[in-house]
């Protein structure tokens, strides 16, 4: 959970999104410093195809996450009804780039 995205995610950021390796390292370092692994008492009352996704979302909410970054299409489909912003990696990168 403390890894930004593993080898596949780093490759996607580097190759598809053309993020420089140094910036990927910096983002990963920042995320590692901010990692919290909350254990929610129960999943959220949101119906998803994969029951594990409700726990992931509940963990993000329990941990007071500002945003959930995922490539999971089911989670991304909750865009309007989720209790926090859910972005794909490219969307998050664009937000982070504008903010930085």
N, C-alpha and C. Protein backbone atom coordinates (compact mmCIF):
# COMPACT_ATOMS: atom_id res chain seq x y z
N UNK A 1 0.81 -1.19 0.00
CA UNK A 1 0.00 0.00 0.00
C UNK A 1 0.86 1.26 0.00
N UNK A 2 2.06 1.16 0.52
CA UNK A 2 2.92 2.33 0.54
C UNK A 2 3.62 2.57 -0.79
N UNK A 3 3.53 1.62 -1.70
CA UNK A 3 4.16 1.82 -3.01
C UNK A 3 3.22 2.60 -3.89
N UNK A 4 3.76 3.52 -4.63
CA UNK A 4 2.92 4.34 -5.50
C UNK A 4 2.18 3.46 -6.49
N UNK A 5 2.85 2.48 -7.03
CA UNK A 5 2.18 1.71 -8.06
C UNK A 5 2.97 0.51 -8.52
N UNK A 6 4.10 0.23 -7.96
CA UNK A 6 4.87 -0.92 -8.40
C UNK A 6 5.52 -0.69 -9.75
N UNK A 7 6.17 -1.73 -10.24
CA UNK A 7 6.92 -1.62 -11.49
C UNK A 7 6.01 -1.28 -12.68
N UNK A 8 4.83 -1.89 -12.73
CA UNK A 8 3.92 -1.62 -13.84
C UNK A 8 3.46 -0.18 -13.83
N UNK A 9 3.10 0.31 -12.66
CA UNK A 9 2.64 1.69 -12.54
C UNK A 9 3.74 2.69 -12.89
N UNK A 10 4.96 2.39 -12.45
CA UNK A 10 6.09 3.28 -12.78
C UNK A 10 6.30 3.32 -14.29
N UNK A 11 6.17 2.14 -14.94
CA UNK A 11 6.34 2.09 -16.39
C UNK A 11 5.25 2.91 -17.09
N UNK A 12 4.02 2.80 -16.60
CA UNK A 12 2.93 3.57 -17.21
C UNK A 12 3.17 5.06 -17.04
N UNK A 13 3.57 5.47 -15.84
CA UNK A 13 3.86 6.88 -15.62
C UNK A 13 4.99 7.36 -16.53
N UNK A 14 6.03 6.53 -16.66
CA UNK A 14 7.21 6.91 -17.44
C UNK A 14 6.92 6.89 -18.93
N UNK A 15 6.33 5.80 -19.42
CA UNK A 15 6.17 5.61 -20.87
C UNK A 15 4.92 6.29 -21.40
N UNK A 16 3.77 5.99 -20.82
CA UNK A 16 2.52 6.53 -21.35
C UNK A 16 2.32 8.01 -21.02
N UNK A 17 2.68 8.36 -19.79
CA UNK A 17 2.43 9.73 -19.35
C UNK A 17 3.66 10.62 -19.45
N UNK A 18 4.80 10.00 -19.76
CA UNK A 18 6.07 10.72 -19.94
C UNK A 18 6.48 11.54 -18.73
N UNK A 19 6.25 10.96 -17.56
CA UNK A 19 6.68 11.60 -16.32
C UNK A 19 8.15 11.25 -16.12
N UNK A 20 9.00 12.24 -15.89
CA UNK A 20 10.41 11.95 -15.67
C UNK A 20 10.61 11.07 -14.43
N UNK A 21 11.58 10.17 -14.51
CA UNK A 21 11.85 9.22 -13.42
C UNK A 21 12.08 9.94 -12.10
N UNK A 22 12.77 11.06 -12.15
CA UNK A 22 13.05 11.82 -10.92
C UNK A 22 11.75 12.27 -10.26
N UNK A 23 10.78 12.70 -11.05
CA UNK A 23 9.50 13.14 -10.48
C UNK A 23 8.71 11.96 -9.93
N UNK A 24 8.78 10.82 -10.61
CA UNK A 24 8.11 9.62 -10.09
C UNK A 24 8.70 9.26 -8.74
N UNK A 25 10.03 9.31 -8.63
CA UNK A 25 10.70 9.02 -7.36
C UNK A 25 10.26 9.99 -6.26
N UNK A 26 10.15 11.27 -6.61
CA UNK A 26 9.74 12.28 -5.63
C UNK A 26 8.31 12.04 -5.15
N UNK A 27 7.41 11.73 -6.07
CA UNK A 27 6.02 11.48 -5.70
C UNK A 27 5.94 10.23 -4.84
N UNK A 28 6.66 9.19 -5.23
CA UNK A 28 6.65 7.96 -4.45
C UNK A 28 7.18 8.20 -3.05
N UNK A 29 8.25 8.98 -2.93
CA UNK A 29 8.81 9.31 -1.63
C UNK A 29 7.78 10.06 -0.78
N UNK A 30 7.11 11.04 -1.37
CA UNK A 30 6.09 11.80 -0.66
C UNK A 30 4.97 10.88 -0.18
N UNK A 31 4.51 10.00 -1.05
CA UNK A 31 3.43 9.09 -0.68
C UNK A 31 3.86 8.11 0.41
N UNK A 32 5.10 7.66 0.36
CA UNK A 32 5.59 6.75 1.41
C UNK A 32 5.58 7.44 2.77
N UNK A 33 5.92 8.72 2.79
CA UNK A 33 5.92 9.47 4.05
C UNK A 33 4.52 9.66 4.60
N UNK A 34 3.53 9.67 3.72
CA UNK A 34 2.15 9.95 4.11
C UNK A 34 1.30 8.70 4.28
N UNK A 35 1.88 7.54 4.16
CA UNK A 35 1.11 6.30 4.18
C UNK A 35 0.49 6.04 5.54
N UNK A 36 -0.79 5.73 5.50
CA UNK A 36 -1.52 5.28 6.69
C UNK A 36 -2.38 4.11 6.24
N UNK A 37 -2.45 3.11 7.06
CA UNK A 37 -3.25 1.94 6.70
C UNK A 37 -4.36 1.80 7.73
N UNK A 38 -5.47 2.51 7.52
CA UNK A 38 -6.57 2.42 8.47
C UNK A 38 -7.30 1.09 8.31
N UNK A 39 -7.91 0.66 9.39
CA UNK A 39 -8.68 -0.57 9.36
C UNK A 39 -10.13 -0.20 9.70
N UNK A 40 -10.96 -0.05 8.67
CA UNK A 40 -12.35 0.33 8.94
C UNK A 40 -13.11 -0.82 9.61
N UNK A 41 -14.11 -0.47 10.40
CA UNK A 41 -14.91 -1.47 11.10
C UNK A 41 -15.79 -2.26 10.14
N UNK A 42 -16.21 -1.61 9.06
CA UNK A 42 -17.07 -2.29 8.08
C UNK A 42 -16.91 -1.60 6.73
N UNK A 43 -17.27 -2.28 5.66
CA UNK A 43 -17.19 -1.65 4.35
C UNK A 43 -18.30 -0.60 4.22
N UNK A 44 -18.17 0.26 3.25
CA UNK A 44 -19.22 1.25 3.01
C UNK A 44 -20.42 0.59 2.37
N UNK A 45 -21.56 1.22 2.52
CA UNK A 45 -22.80 0.69 1.93
C UNK A 45 -22.93 1.12 0.47
N UNK A 46 -21.96 0.73 -0.30
CA UNK A 46 -21.96 1.00 -1.74
C UNK A 46 -21.80 -0.35 -2.43
N UNK A 47 -22.65 -0.61 -3.39
CA UNK A 47 -22.61 -1.90 -4.08
C UNK A 47 -21.62 -1.81 -5.24
N UNK A 48 -20.64 -2.69 -5.20
CA UNK A 48 -19.65 -2.78 -6.27
C UNK A 48 -19.53 -4.24 -6.69
N UNK A 49 -19.11 -4.46 -7.90
CA UNK A 49 -18.96 -5.82 -8.42
C UNK A 49 -17.98 -6.64 -7.59
N UNK A 50 -16.88 -6.02 -7.19
CA UNK A 50 -15.87 -6.69 -6.38
C UNK A 50 -16.03 -6.24 -4.93
N UNK A 51 -16.45 -7.12 -4.04
CA UNK A 51 -16.66 -6.74 -2.63
C UNK A 51 -15.40 -6.16 -1.98
N UNK A 52 -14.22 -6.57 -2.43
CA UNK A 52 -12.98 -6.02 -1.86
C UNK A 52 -12.87 -4.52 -2.12
N UNK A 53 -13.45 -4.05 -3.22
CA UNK A 53 -13.39 -2.62 -3.53
C UNK A 53 -14.10 -1.78 -2.49
N UNK A 54 -15.17 -2.32 -1.88
CA UNK A 54 -15.86 -1.56 -0.83
C UNK A 54 -14.96 -1.36 0.38
N UNK A 55 -14.10 -2.36 0.65
CA UNK A 55 -13.14 -2.23 1.75
C UNK A 55 -12.05 -1.22 1.42
N UNK A 56 -11.62 -1.22 0.18
CA UNK A 56 -10.60 -0.24 -0.24
C UNK A 56 -11.15 1.17 -0.07
N UNK A 57 -12.37 1.38 -0.53
CA UNK A 57 -12.99 2.69 -0.40
C UNK A 57 -13.20 3.04 1.07
N UNK A 58 -13.66 2.09 1.87
CA UNK A 58 -13.86 2.33 3.30
C UNK A 58 -12.53 2.67 3.99
N UNK A 59 -11.45 2.03 3.58
CA UNK A 59 -10.13 2.33 4.15
C UNK A 59 -9.71 3.75 3.81
N UNK A 60 -9.96 4.16 2.59
CA UNK A 60 -9.61 5.53 2.18
C UNK A 60 -10.40 6.55 2.99
N UNK A 61 -11.68 6.27 3.19
CA UNK A 61 -12.52 7.18 3.97
C UNK A 61 -12.09 7.18 5.44
N UNK A 62 -11.85 6.00 6.01
CA UNK A 62 -11.43 5.89 7.41
C UNK A 62 -10.10 6.59 7.65
N UNK A 63 -9.25 6.58 6.65
CA UNK A 63 -7.96 7.23 6.76
C UNK A 63 -7.98 8.70 6.42
N UNK A 64 -9.17 9.25 6.18
CA UNK A 64 -9.33 10.67 5.81
C UNK A 64 -8.52 11.04 4.58
N UNK A 65 -8.49 10.13 3.61
CA UNK A 65 -7.75 10.40 2.37
C UNK A 65 -8.37 11.60 1.66
N UNK A 66 -7.51 12.38 1.04
CA UNK A 66 -7.98 13.51 0.24
C UNK A 66 -8.47 13.04 -1.12
N UNK A 67 -7.88 11.95 -1.59
CA UNK A 67 -8.22 11.42 -2.92
C UNK A 67 -7.83 9.95 -2.96
N UNK A 68 -8.56 9.17 -3.74
CA UNK A 68 -8.23 7.77 -3.99
C UNK A 68 -7.77 7.68 -5.43
N UNK A 69 -6.54 7.24 -5.63
CA UNK A 69 -5.98 7.11 -6.98
C UNK A 69 -5.99 5.64 -7.34
N UNK A 70 -6.66 5.31 -8.45
CA UNK A 70 -6.80 3.92 -8.85
C UNK A 70 -7.04 3.83 -10.35
N UNK A 71 -6.74 2.67 -10.87
CA UNK A 71 -7.07 2.37 -12.26
C UNK A 71 -8.30 1.48 -12.34
N UNK A 72 -8.87 1.12 -11.19
CA UNK A 72 -10.01 0.22 -11.13
C UNK A 72 -11.25 0.92 -11.69
N UNK A 73 -11.78 0.37 -12.77
CA UNK A 73 -12.91 1.01 -13.46
C UNK A 73 -14.17 1.06 -12.60
N UNK A 74 -14.38 0.03 -11.75
CA UNK A 74 -15.56 0.05 -10.87
C UNK A 74 -15.48 1.20 -9.88
N UNK A 75 -14.32 1.39 -9.27
CA UNK A 75 -14.16 2.50 -8.34
C UNK A 75 -14.25 3.84 -9.05
N UNK A 76 -13.63 3.92 -10.22
CA UNK A 76 -13.69 5.17 -10.98
C UNK A 76 -15.12 5.52 -11.40
N UNK A 77 -15.97 4.51 -11.55
CA UNK A 77 -17.36 4.76 -11.96
C UNK A 77 -18.17 5.42 -10.86
N UNK A 78 -17.66 5.44 -9.64
CA UNK A 78 -18.35 6.06 -8.51
C UNK A 78 -18.15 7.57 -8.46
N UNK A 79 -17.55 8.12 -9.46
CA UNK A 79 -17.14 9.52 -9.49
C UNK A 79 -18.13 10.47 -8.81
N UNK A 80 -19.41 10.36 -9.12
CA UNK A 80 -20.39 11.31 -8.59
C UNK A 80 -20.96 10.92 -7.23
N UNK A 81 -20.85 9.66 -6.84
CA UNK A 81 -21.49 9.22 -5.60
C UNK A 81 -20.49 8.83 -4.50
N UNK A 82 -19.22 8.93 -4.77
CA UNK A 82 -18.21 8.54 -3.78
C UNK A 82 -18.06 9.61 -2.71
N UNK A 83 -17.68 9.20 -1.50
CA UNK A 83 -17.50 10.16 -0.42
C UNK A 83 -16.18 10.94 -0.48
N UNK A 84 -15.38 10.68 -1.52
CA UNK A 84 -14.14 11.41 -1.72
C UNK A 84 -13.82 11.35 -3.21
N UNK A 85 -12.98 12.25 -3.70
CA UNK A 85 -12.62 12.20 -5.12
C UNK A 85 -11.88 10.91 -5.46
N UNK A 86 -12.23 10.31 -6.58
CA UNK A 86 -11.55 9.12 -7.08
C UNK A 86 -11.02 9.46 -8.46
N UNK A 87 -9.71 9.37 -8.62
CA UNK A 87 -9.06 9.75 -9.87
C UNK A 87 -8.20 8.61 -10.40
N UNK A 88 -8.07 8.56 -11.72
CA UNK A 88 -7.11 7.63 -12.28
C UNK A 88 -5.73 8.29 -12.18
N UNK A 89 -4.66 7.53 -12.39
CA UNK A 89 -3.31 8.11 -12.23
C UNK A 89 -3.09 9.36 -13.09
N UNK A 90 -3.58 9.36 -14.32
CA UNK A 90 -3.39 10.53 -15.17
C UNK A 90 -4.13 11.74 -14.59
N UNK A 91 -5.35 11.53 -14.13
CA UNK A 91 -6.12 12.63 -13.54
C UNK A 91 -5.43 13.19 -12.31
N UNK A 92 -4.89 12.29 -11.48
CA UNK A 92 -4.17 12.74 -10.29
C UNK A 92 -2.91 13.50 -10.68
N UNK A 93 -2.20 12.98 -11.67
CA UNK A 93 -0.98 13.66 -12.12
C UNK A 93 -1.30 15.07 -12.60
N UNK A 94 -2.37 15.21 -13.35
CA UNK A 94 -2.74 16.54 -13.85
C UNK A 94 -3.07 17.48 -12.70
N UNK A 95 -3.80 17.00 -11.72
CA UNK A 95 -4.14 17.83 -10.55
C UNK A 95 -2.87 18.20 -9.80
N UNK A 96 -2.00 17.24 -9.55
CA UNK A 96 -0.76 17.48 -8.81
C UNK A 96 0.15 18.44 -9.58
N UNK A 97 0.20 18.28 -10.87
CA UNK A 97 1.05 19.14 -11.71
C UNK A 97 0.56 20.59 -11.66
N UNK A 98 -0.75 20.78 -11.72
CA UNK A 98 -1.30 22.15 -11.66
C UNK A 98 -1.07 22.77 -10.28
N UNK A 99 -1.12 21.94 -9.24
CA UNK A 99 -0.96 22.45 -7.88
C UNK A 99 0.49 22.77 -7.54
N UNK A 100 1.42 22.09 -8.22
CA UNK A 100 2.83 22.23 -7.87
C UNK A 100 3.48 23.30 -8.62
